[in-house]
Amino acid sequence: MQSNLQVTPAIVDHIAELSHIPVSEMEAKKLADGFTKVLKVVDELSAVDTSGVEPVGHVSGLETVVREDVIDEAHMFTQQEALRNAPRTHDGYFVVDQILDK
């Protein structure tokens, strides 16, 4: 199934505007070409018959090691110890400056 989706510089500009990422005209053209190539590769991969292939989480053969979540109180700070060197606190919490712009 071929989608023949063509990413245009206008689409890149729109995505860049939504993301608040400045993109020059030349960059938009280059990104549009790159995105179009990626979509073509995805189309090619979609055409591959994978009906006999088992899904995998990863291909390295490693297994996830899970341990019990046990609290080790010998290695815990009290709230007062954790806040001891904080420049600013309020009601038992760290106080930090706001960093959001828009």
PDB file of N, CA and C in Angstrom:
ATOM      1  N   MET A   1       0.856  -1.181   0.000  1.00  0.00           N
ATOM      2  CA  MET A   1       0.000   0.000   0.000  1.00  0.00           C
ATOM      3  C   MET A   1       0.898   1.238   0.000  1.00  0.00           C
ATOM      4  N   GLN A   2       0.921   1.944  -1.092  1.00  0.00           N
ATOM      5  CA  GLN A   2       1.730   3.147  -1.226  1.00  0.00           C
ATOM      6  C   GLN A   2       0.892   4.377  -0.863  1.00  0.00           C
ATOM      7  N   SER A   3       1.424   5.198   0.056  1.00  0.00           N
ATOM      8  CA  SER A   3       0.673   6.387   0.446  1.00  0.00           C
ATOM      9  C   SER A   3       0.998   7.568  -0.460  1.00  0.00           C
ATOM     10  N   ASN A   4       2.217   7.561  -1.050  1.00  0.00           N
ATOM     11  CA  ASN A   4       2.657   8.656  -1.915  1.00  0.00           C
ATOM     12  C   ASN A   4       2.522  10.014  -1.236  1.00  0.00           C
ATOM     13  N   LEU A   5       2.671  10.037   0.080  1.00  0.00           N
ATOM     14  CA  LEU A   5       2.597  11.288   0.815  1.00  0.00           C
ATOM     15  C   LEU A   5       3.836  12.105   0.537  1.00  0.00           C
ATOM     16  N   GLN A   6       3.652  13.334   0.135  1.00  0.00           N
ATOM     17  CA  GLN A   6       4.753  14.246  -0.155  1.00  0.00           C
ATOM     18  C   GLN A   6       4.758  15.323   0.922  1.00  0.00           C
ATOM     19  N   VAL A   7       5.844  15.410   1.670  1.00  0.00           N
ATOM     20  CA  VAL A   7       5.980  16.457   2.677  1.00  0.00           C
ATOM     21  C   VAL A   7       6.526  17.693   1.979  1.00  0.00           C
ATOM     22  N   THR A   8       5.844  18.791   2.140  1.00  0.00           N
ATOM     23  CA  THR A   8       6.241  20.043   1.499  1.00  0.00           C
ATOM     24  C   THR A   8       6.915  20.965   2.514  1.00  0.00           C
ATOM     25  N   PRO A   9       7.673  21.935   2.022  1.00  0.00           N
ATOM     26  CA  PRO A   9       8.245  22.916   2.944  1.00  0.00           C
ATOM     27  C   PRO A   9       7.171  23.642   3.754  1.00  0.00           C
ATOM     28  N   ALA A  10       5.975  23.807   3.194  1.00  0.00           N
ATOM     29  CA  ALA A  10       4.878  24.456   3.932  1.00  0.00           C
ATOM     30  C   ALA A  10       4.463  23.616   5.138  1.00  0.00           C
ATOM     31  N   ILE A  11       4.441  22.293   4.967  1.00  0.00           N
ATOM     32  CA  ILE A  11       4.109  21.404   6.089  1.00  0.00           C
ATOM     33  C   ILE A  11       5.198  21.492   7.151  1.00  0.00           C
ATOM     34  N   VAL A  12       6.458  21.507   6.726  1.00  0.00           N
ATOM     35  CA  VAL A  12       7.572  21.637   7.675  1.00  0.00           C
ATOM     36  C   VAL A  12       7.467  22.959   8.420  1.00  0.00           C
ATOM     37  N   ASP A  13       7.170  24.045   7.705  1.00  0.00           N
ATOM     38  CA  ASP A  13       7.011  25.356   8.350  1.00  0.00           C
ATOM     39  C   ASP A  13       5.902  25.323   9.395  1.00  0.00           C
ATOM     40  N   HIS A  14       4.806  24.662   9.065  1.00  0.00           N
ATOM     41  CA  HIS A  14       3.677  24.572  10.002  1.00  0.00           C
ATOM     42  C   HIS A  14       4.084  23.798  11.260  1.00  0.00           C
ATOM     43  N   ILE A  15       4.749  22.668  11.079  1.00  0.00           N
ATOM     44  CA  ILE A  15       5.206  21.868  12.229  1.00  0.00           C
ATOM     45  C   ILE A  15       6.214  22.669  13.055  1.00  0.00           C
ATOM     46  N   ALA A  16       7.119  23.371  12.375  1.00  0.00           N
ATOM     47  CA  ALA A  16       8.123  24.175  13.076  1.00  0.00           C
ATOM     48  C   ALA A  16       7.459  25.286  13.885  1.00  0.00           C
ATOM     49  N   GLU A  17       6.429  25.887  13.324  1.00  0.00           N
ATOM     50  CA  GLU A  17       5.703  26.940  14.038  1.00  0.00           C
ATOM     51  C   GLU A  17       5.008  26.380  15.276  1.00  0.00           C
ATOM     52  N   LEU A  18       4.367  25.222  15.131  1.00  0.00           N
ATOM     53  CA  LEU A  18       3.699  24.591  16.273  1.00  0.00           C
ATOM     54  C   LEU A  18       4.709  24.225  17.365  1.00  0.00           C
ATOM     55  N   SER A  19       5.931  23.867  16.955  1.00  0.00           N
ATOM     56  CA  SER A  19       6.970  23.435  17.895  1.00  0.00           C
ATOM     57  C   SER A  19       7.803  24.594  18.416  1.00  0.00           C
ATOM     58  N   HIS A  20       7.558  25.779  17.886  1.00  0.00           N
ATOM     59  CA  HIS A  20       8.359  26.954  18.245  1.00  0.00           C
ATOM     60  C   HIS A  20       9.838  26.723  17.939  1.00  0.00           C
ATOM     61  N   ILE A  21      10.097  26.126  16.760  1.00  0.00           N
ATOM     62  CA  ILE A  21      11.466  25.877  16.306  1.00  0.00           C
ATOM     63  C   ILE A  21      11.695  26.710  15.046  1.00  0.00           C
ATOM     64  N   PRO A  22      12.644  27.627  15.091  1.00  0.00           N
ATOM     65  CA  PRO A  22      12.893  28.430  13.892  1.00  0.00           C
ATOM     66  C   PRO A  22      13.547  27.579  12.793  1.00  0.00           C
ATOM     67  N   VAL A  23      12.993  27.661  11.598  1.00  0.00           N
ATOM     68  CA  VAL A  23      13.504  26.895  10.459  1.00  0.00           C
ATOM     69  C   VAL A  23      13.604  27.837   9.264  1.00  0.00           C
ATOM     70  N   SER A  24      14.781  27.888   8.655  1.00  0.00           N
ATOM     71  CA  SER A  24      14.969  28.734   7.477  1.00  0.00           C
ATOM     72  C   SER A  24      14.294  28.080   6.274  1.00  0.00           C
ATOM     73  N   GLU A  25      14.192  28.857   5.192  1.00  0.00           N
ATOM     74  CA  GLU A  25      13.583  28.345   3.963  1.00  0.00           C
ATOM     75  C   GLU A  25      14.376  27.154   3.419  1.00  0.00           C
ATOM     76  N   MET A  26      15.703  27.263   3.458  1.00  0.00           N
ATOM     77  CA  MET A  26      16.571  26.181   2.968  1.00  0.00           C
ATOM     78  C   MET A  26      16.424  24.933   3.848  1.00  0.00           C
ATOM     79  N   GLU A  27      16.366  25.145   5.157  1.00  0.00           N
ATOM     80  CA  GLU A  27      16.193  24.015   6.078  1.00  0.00           C
ATOM     81  C   GLU A  27      14.842  23.332   5.862  1.00  0.00           C
ATOM     82  N   ALA A  28      13.799  24.125   5.631  1.00  0.00           N
ATOM     83  CA  ALA A  28      12.467  23.558   5.407  1.00  0.00           C
ATOM     84  C   ALA A  28      12.461  22.670   4.167  1.00  0.00           C
ATOM     85  N   LYS A  29      13.133  23.109   3.108  1.00  0.00           N
ATOM     86  CA  LYS A  29      13.201  22.310   1.883  1.00  0.00           C
ATOM     87  C   LYS A  29      13.959  21.003   2.145  1.00  0.00           C
ATOM     88  N   LYS A  30      15.104  21.113   2.844  1.00  0.00           N
ATOM     89  CA  LYS A  30      15.922  19.931   3.126  1.00  0.00           C
ATOM     90  C   LYS A  30      15.156  18.956   4.034  1.00  0.00           C
ATOM     91  N   LEU A  31      14.494  19.481   5.058  1.00  0.00           N
ATOM     92  CA  LEU A  31      13.718  18.623   5.960  1.00  0.00           C
ATOM     93  C   LEU A  31      12.544  17.967   5.230  1.00  0.00           C
ATOM     94  N   ALA A  32      11.879  18.718   4.362  1.00  0.00           N
ATOM     95  CA  ALA A  32      10.753  18.167   3.600  1.00  0.00           C
ATOM     96  C   ALA A  32      11.217  16.992   2.747  1.00  0.00           C
ATOM     97  N   ASP A  33      12.354  17.147   2.080  1.00  0.00           N
ATOM     98  CA  ASP A  33      12.892  16.059   1.260  1.00  0.00           C
ATOM     99  C   ASP A  33      13.228  14.847   2.136  1.00  0.00           C
ATOM    100  N   GLY A  34      13.846  15.103   3.281  1.00  0.00           N
ATOM    101  CA  GLY A  34      14.209  14.016   4.193  1.00  0.00           C
ATOM    102  C   GLY A  34      12.997  13.283   4.728  1.00  0.00           C
ATOM    103  N   PHE A  35      11.974  14.038   5.144  1.00  0.00           N
ATOM    104  CA  PHE A  35      10.745  13.409   5.656  1.00  0.00           C
ATOM    105  C   PHE A  35      10.067  12.573   4.576  1.00  0.00           C
ATOM    106  N   THR A  36      10.066  13.074   3.346  1.00  0.00           N
ATOM    107  CA  THR A  36       9.454  12.333   2.242  1.00  0.00           C
ATOM    108  C   THR A  36      10.187  11.013   2.016  1.00  0.00           C
ATOM    109  N   LYS A  37      11.522  11.042   2.079  1.00  0.00           N
ATOM    110  CA  LYS A  37      12.307   9.818   1.915  1.00  0.00           C
ATOM    111  C   LYS A  37      11.996   8.823   3.035  1.00  0.00           C
ATOM    112  N   VAL A  38      11.880   9.318   4.261  1.00  0.00           N
ATOM    113  CA  VAL A  38      11.566   8.440   5.394  1.00  0.00           C
ATOM    114  C   VAL A  38      10.200   7.789   5.194  1.00  0.00           C
ATOM    115  N   LEU A  39       9.218   8.561   4.760  1.00  0.00           N
ATOM    116  CA  LEU A  39       7.879   8.004   4.530  1.00  0.00           C
ATOM    117  C   LEU A  39       7.890   6.949   3.426  1.00  0.00           C
ATOM    118  N   LYS A  40       8.720   7.139   2.415  1.00  0.00           N
ATOM    119  CA  LYS A  40       8.828   6.131   1.350  1.00  0.00           C
ATOM    120  C   LYS A  40       9.411   4.832   1.896  1.00  0.00           C
ATOM    121  N   VAL A  41      10.416   4.937   2.773  1.00  0.00           N
ATOM    122  CA  VAL A  41      11.007   3.742   3.389  1.00  0.00           C
ATOM    123  C   VAL A  41       9.965   3.043   4.262  1.00  0.00           C
ATOM    124  N   VAL A  42       9.193   3.801   5.012  1.00  0.00           N
ATOM    125  CA  VAL A  42       8.142   3.211   5.847  1.00  0.00           C
ATOM    126  C   VAL A  42       7.124   2.488   4.959  1.00  0.00           C
ATOM    127  N   ASP A  43       6.782   3.062   3.827  1.00  0.00           N
ATOM    128  CA  ASP A  43       5.872   2.400   2.880  1.00  0.00           C
ATOM    129  C   ASP A  43       6.463   1.076   2.411  1.00  0.00           C
ATOM    130  N   GLU A  44       7.764   1.068   2.103  1.00  0.00           N
ATOM    131  CA  GLU A  44       8.422  -0.164   1.659  1.00  0.00           C
ATOM    132  C   GLU A  44       8.388  -1.215   2.762  1.00  0.00           C
ATOM    133  N   LEU A  45       8.660  -0.795   3.994  1.00  0.00           N
ATOM    134  CA  LEU A  45       8.632  -1.737   5.121  1.00  0.00           C
ATOM    135  C   LEU A  45       7.229  -2.271   5.364  1.00  0.00           C
ATOM    136  N   SER A  46       6.222  -1.438   5.128  1.00  0.00           N
ATOM    137  CA  SER A  46       4.834  -1.877   5.318  1.00  0.00           C
ATOM    138  C   SER A  46       4.448  -2.970   4.331  1.00  0.00           C
ATOM    139  N   ALA A  47       5.144  -3.034   3.197  1.00  0.00           N
ATOM    140  CA  ALA A  47       4.832  -4.026   2.176  1.00  0.00           C
ATOM    141  C   ALA A  47       5.434  -5.398   2.489  1.00  0.00           C
ATOM    142  N   VAL A  48       6.342  -5.469   3.463  1.00  0.00           N
ATOM    143  CA  VAL A  48       6.998  -6.734   3.803  1.00  0.00           C
ATOM    144  C   VAL A  48       6.028  -7.643   4.546  1.00  0.00           C
ATOM    145  N   ASP A  49       5.981  -8.915   4.149  1.00  0.00           N
ATOM    146  CA  ASP A  49       5.106  -9.888   4.814  1.00  0.00           C
ATOM    147  C   ASP A  49       5.736 -10.319   6.133  1.00  0.00           C
ATOM    148  N   THR A  50       5.124  -9.928   7.226  1.00  0.00           N
ATOM    149  CA  THR A  50       5.621 -10.281   8.564  1.00  0.00           C
ATOM    150  C   THR A  50       4.643 -11.185   9.303  1.00  0.00           C
ATOM    151  N   SER A  51       3.769 -11.842   8.565  1.00  0.00           N
ATOM    152  CA  SER A  51       2.733 -12.645   9.210  1.00  0.00           C
ATOM    153  C   SER A  51       3.304 -13.812  10.022  1.00  0.00           C
ATOM    154  N   GLY A  52       4.471 -14.334   9.656  1.00  0.00           N
ATOM    155  CA  GLY A  52       5.049 -15.453  10.396  1.00  0.00           C
ATOM    156  C   GLY A  52       6.104 -15.035  11.407  1.00  0.00           C
ATOM    157  N   VAL A  53       6.215 -13.763  11.664  1.00  0.00           N
ATOM    158  CA  VAL A  53       7.251 -13.254  12.566  1.00  0.00           C
ATOM    159  C   VAL A  53       6.628 -12.898  13.907  1.00  0.00           C
ATOM    160  N   GLU A  54       7.229 -13.454  14.965  1.00  0.00           N
ATOM    161  CA  GLU A  54       6.740 -13.147  16.313  1.00  0.00           C
ATOM    162  C   GLU A  54       7.190 -11.747  16.721  1.00  0.00           C
ATOM    163  N   PRO A  55       6.318 -10.981  17.363  1.00  0.00           N
ATOM    164  CA  PRO A  55       6.732  -9.653  17.836  1.00  0.00           C
ATOM    165  C   PRO A  55       7.756  -9.775  18.966  1.00  0.00           C
ATOM    166  N   VAL A  56       8.693  -8.832  19.012  1.00  0.00           N
ATOM    167  CA  VAL A  56       9.701  -8.819  20.072  1.00  0.00           C
ATOM    168  C   VAL A  56       9.785  -7.418  20.660  1.00  0.00           C
ATOM    169  N   GLY A  57      10.182  -7.357  21.922  1.00  0.00           N
ATOM    170  CA  GLY A  57      10.372  -6.065  22.563  1.00  0.00           C
ATOM    171  C   GLY A  57      11.712  -5.457  22.218  1.00  0.00           C
ATOM    172  N   HIS A  58      12.709  -6.315  21.997  1.00  0.00           N
ATOM    173  CA  HIS A  58      14.037  -5.888  21.585  1.00  0.00           C
ATOM    174  C   HIS A  58      14.738  -7.086  20.956  1.00  0.00           C
ATOM    175  N   VAL A  59      15.821  -6.828  20.263  1.00  0.00           N
ATOM    176  CA  VAL A  59      16.484  -7.893  19.531  1.00  0.00           C
ATOM    177  C   VAL A  59      17.812  -8.314  20.133  1.00  0.00           C
ATOM    178  N   SER A  60      18.189  -7.756  21.282  1.00  0.00           N
ATOM    179  CA  SER A  60      19.506  -8.042  21.849  1.00  0.00           C
ATOM    180  C   SER A  60      19.565  -9.363  22.610  1.00  0.00           C
ATOM    181  N   GLY A  61      18.406  -9.934  22.967  1.00  0.00           N
ATOM    182  CA  GLY A  61      18.401 -11.174  23.721  1.00  0.00           C
ATOM    183  C   GLY A  61      18.515 -10.967  25.220  1.00  0.00           C
ATOM    184  N   LEU A  62      18.692  -9.712  25.633  1.00  0.00           N
ATOM    185  CA  LEU A  62      18.776  -9.432  27.059  1.00  0.00           C
ATOM    186  C   LEU A  62      17.399  -9.541  27.702  1.00  0.00           C
ATOM    187  N   GLU A  63      17.385  -9.901  28.960  1.00  0.00           N
ATOM    188  CA  GLU A  63      16.131  -9.977  29.684  1.00  0.00           C
ATOM    189  C   GLU A  63      16.088  -8.893  30.744  1.00  0.00           C
ATOM    190  N   THR A  64      14.901  -8.403  31.001  1.00  0.00           N
ATOM    191  CA  THR A  64      14.733  -7.388  32.021  1.00  0.00           C
ATOM    192  C   THR A  64      14.910  -8.017  33.396  1.00  0.00           C
ATOM    193  N   VAL A  65      15.742  -7.385  34.187  1.00  0.00           N
ATOM    194  CA  VAL A  65      15.965  -7.859  35.545  1.00  0.00           C
ATOM    195  C   VAL A  65      15.099  -7.000  36.462  1.00  0.00           C
ATOM    196  N   VAL A  66      14.231  -7.644  37.192  1.00  0.00           N
ATOM    197  CA  VAL A  66      13.326  -6.929  38.081  1.00  0.00           C
ATOM    198  C   VAL A  66      13.678  -7.294  39.511  1.00  0.00           C
ATOM    199  N   ARG A  67      13.756  -6.295  40.342  1.00  0.00           N
ATOM    200  CA  ARG A  67      14.017  -6.567  41.747  1.00  0.00           C
ATOM    201  C   ARG A  67      12.846  -6.050  42.567  1.00  0.00           C
ATOM    202  N   GLU A  68      12.719  -6.569  43.735  1.00  0.00           N
ATOM    203  CA  GLU A  68      11.679  -6.136  44.648  1.00  0.00           C
ATOM    204  C   GLU A  68      11.970  -4.696  45.074  1.00  0.00           C
ATOM    205  N   ASP A  69      10.968  -3.885  45.143  1.00  0.00           N
ATOM    206  CA  ASP A  69      11.122  -2.496  45.553  1.00  0.00           C
ATOM    207  C   ASP A  69      11.050  -2.433  47.077  1.00  0.00           C
ATOM    208  N   VAL A  70      12.216  -2.576  47.696  1.00  0.00           N
ATOM    209  CA  VAL A  70      12.302  -2.618  49.154  1.00  0.00           C
ATOM    210  C   VAL A  70      12.912  -1.315  49.649  1.00  0.00           C
ATOM    211  N   ILE A  71      12.295  -0.721  50.641  1.00  0.00           N
ATOM    212  CA  ILE A  71      12.800   0.518  51.216  1.00  0.00           C
ATOM    213  C   ILE A  71      13.928   0.186  52.183  1.00  0.00           C
ATOM    214  N   ASP A  72      15.082   0.822  51.962  1.00  0.00           N
ATOM    215  CA  ASP A  72      16.234   0.641  52.842  1.00  0.00           C
ATOM    216  C   ASP A  72      16.352   1.907  53.691  1.00  0.00           C
ATOM    217  N   GLU A  73      15.765   1.875  54.855  1.00  0.00           N
ATOM    218  CA  GLU A  73      15.711   3.064  55.699  1.00  0.00           C
ATOM    219  C   GLU A  73      17.095   3.524  56.154  1.00  0.00           C
ATOM    220  N   ALA A  74      18.083   2.646  56.124  1.00  0.00           N
ATOM    221  CA  ALA A  74      19.443   3.033  56.516  1.00  0.00           C
ATOM    222  C   ALA A  74      20.043   4.020  55.514  1.00  0.00           C
ATOM    223  N   HIS A  75      19.542   4.041  54.288  1.00  0.00           N
ATOM    224  CA  HIS A  75      20.062   4.935  53.256  1.00  0.00           C
ATOM    225  C   HIS A  75      19.092   6.055  52.907  1.00  0.00           C
ATOM    226  N   MET A  76      18.177   6.361  53.800  1.00  0.00           N
ATOM    227  CA  MET A  76      17.179   7.400  53.545  1.00  0.00           C
ATOM    228  C   MET A  76      17.533   8.679  54.291  1.00  0.00           C
ATOM    229  N   PHE A  77      17.185   9.815  53.689  1.00  0.00           N
ATOM    230  CA  PHE A  77      17.270  11.094  54.383  1.00  0.00           C
ATOM    231  C   PHE A  77      15.934  11.375  55.051  1.00  0.00           C
ATOM    232  N   THR A  78      15.991  12.054  56.157  1.00  0.00           N
ATOM    233  CA  THR A  78      14.752  12.610  56.695  1.00  0.00           C
ATOM    234  C   THR A  78      14.450  13.847  55.856  1.00  0.00           C
ATOM    235  N   GLN A  79      13.245  14.355  55.958  1.00  0.00           N
ATOM    236  CA  GLN A  79      12.896  15.549  55.194  1.00  0.00           C
ATOM    237  C   GLN A  79      13.799  16.719  55.596  1.00  0.00           C
ATOM    238  N   GLN A  80      14.080  16.846  56.869  1.00  0.00           N
ATOM    239  CA  GLN A  80      14.948  17.928  57.335  1.00  0.00           C
ATOM    240  C   GLN A  80      16.362  17.781  56.774  1.00  0.00           C
ATOM    241  N   GLU A  81      16.891  16.552  56.725  1.00  0.00           N
ATOM    242  CA  GLU A  81      18.222  16.329  56.172  1.00  0.00           C
ATOM    243  C   GLU A  81      18.258  16.670  54.676  1.00  0.00           C
ATOM    244  N   ALA A  82      17.210  16.297  53.956  1.00  0.00           N
ATOM    245  CA  ALA A  82      17.160  16.547  52.522  1.00  0.00           C
ATOM    246  C   ALA A  82      17.118  18.042  52.225  1.00  0.00           C
ATOM    247  N   LEU A  83      16.453  18.805  53.073  1.00  0.00           N
ATOM    248  CA  LEU A  83      16.298  20.240  52.845  1.00  0.00           C
ATOM    249  C   LEU A  83      17.384  21.085  53.506  1.00  0.00           C
ATOM    250  N   ARG A  84      18.266  20.459  54.254  1.00  0.00           N
ATOM    251  CA  ARG A  84      19.240  21.184  55.081  1.00  0.00           C
ATOM    252  C   ARG A  84      20.026  22.227  54.295  1.00  0.00           C
ATOM    253  N   ASN A  85      20.517  21.911  53.112  1.00  0.00           N
ATOM    254  CA  ASN A  85      21.357  22.840  52.349  1.00  0.00           C
ATOM    255  C   ASN A  85      20.613  23.566  51.230  1.00  0.00           C
ATOM    256  N   ALA A  86      19.312  23.418  51.187  1.00  0.00           N
ATOM    257  CA  ALA A  86      18.537  24.085  50.139  1.00  0.00           C
ATOM    258  C   ALA A  86      18.536  25.595  50.379  1.00  0.00           C
ATOM    259  N   PRO A  87      18.767  26.380  49.321  1.00  0.00           N
ATOM    260  CA  PRO A  87      18.773  27.828  49.503  1.00  0.00           C
ATOM    261  C   PRO A  87      17.407  28.376  49.916  1.00  0.00           C
ATOM    262  N   ARG A  88      16.323  27.746  49.410  1.00  0.00           N
ATOM    263  CA  ARG A  88      14.976  28.219  49.759  1.00  0.00           C
ATOM    264  C   ARG A  88      14.061  27.020  49.943  1.00  0.00           C
ATOM    265  N   THR A  89      13.252  27.083  50.998  1.00  0.00           N
ATOM    266  CA  THR A  89      12.256  26.044  51.260  1.00  0.00           C
ATOM    267  C   THR A  89      10.962  26.705  51.705  1.00  0.00           C
ATOM    268  N   HIS A  90       9.871  25.928  51.623  1.00  0.00           N
ATOM    269  CA  HIS A  90       8.579  26.406  52.113  1.00  0.00           C
ATOM    270  C   HIS A  90       7.753  25.190  52.508  1.00  0.00           C
ATOM    271  N   ASP A  91       7.321  25.147  53.734  1.00  0.00           N
ATOM    272  CA  ASP A  91       6.473  24.064  54.256  1.00  0.00           C
ATOM    273  C   ASP A  91       7.034  22.675  53.942  1.00  0.00           C
ATOM    274  N   GLY A  92       8.354  22.523  54.050  1.00  0.00           N
ATOM    275  CA  GLY A  92       8.957  21.209  53.844  1.00  0.00           C
ATOM    276  C   GLY A  92       9.248  20.848  52.406  1.00  0.00           C
ATOM    277  N   TYR A  93       9.192  21.825  51.480  1.00  0.00           N
ATOM    278  CA  TYR A  93       9.460  21.569  50.067  1.00  0.00           C
ATOM    279  C   TYR A  93      10.587  22.479  49.584  1.00  0.00           C
ATOM    280  N   PHE A  94      11.287  22.041  48.519  1.00  0.00           N
ATOM    281  CA  PHE A  94      12.258  22.902  47.864  1.00  0.00           C
ATOM    282  C   PHE A  94      11.499  23.995  47.128  1.00  0.00           C
ATOM    283  N   VAL A  95      12.039  25.200  47.090  1.00  0.00           N
ATOM    284  CA  VAL A  95      11.466  26.292  46.314  1.00  0.00           C
ATOM    285  C   VAL A  95      12.465  26.625  45.212  1.00  0.00           C
ATOM    286  N   VAL A  96      11.981  26.618  43.964  1.00  0.00           N
ATOM    287  CA  VAL A  96      12.831  26.942  42.821  1.00  0.00           C
ATOM    288  C   VAL A  96      12.146  27.998  41.977  1.00  0.00           C
ATOM    289  N   ASP A  97      12.937  28.735  41.186  1.00  0.00           N
ATOM    290  CA  ASP A  97      12.377  29.760  40.313  1.00  0.00           C
ATOM    291  C   ASP A  97      11.587  29.112  39.176  1.00  0.00           C
ATOM    292  N   GLN A  98      10.546  29.787  38.757  1.00  0.00           N
ATOM    293  CA  GLN A  98       9.755  29.335  37.606  1.00  0.00           C
ATOM    294  C   GLN A  98      10.595  29.501  36.351  1.00  0.00           C
ATOM    295  N   ILE A  99      10.553  28.505  35.441  1.00  0.00           N
ATOM    296  CA  ILE A  99      11.362  28.593  34.220  1.00  0.00           C
ATOM    297  C   ILE A  99      10.508  28.610  32.945  1.00  0.00           C
ATOM    298  N   LEU A 100       9.196  28.666  33.066  1.00  0.00           N
ATOM    299  CA  LEU A 100       8.325  28.663  31.896  1.00  0.00           C
ATOM    300  C   LEU A 100       8.264  30.048  31.294  1.00  0.00           C
ATOM    301  N   ASP A 101       8.316  30.139  29.966  1.00  0.00           N
ATOM    302  CA  ASP A 101       8.248  31.424  29.289  1.00  0.00           C
ATOM    303  C   ASP A 101       6.835  31.721  28.808  1.00  0.00           C
ATOM    304  N   LYS A 102       6.346  30.884  27.901  1.00  0.00           N
ATOM    305  CA  LYS A 102       5.034  31.151  27.304  1.00  0.00           C
ATOM    306  C   LYS A 102       4.039  30.146  27.791  1.00  0.00           C
TER     307      LYS A 102
END
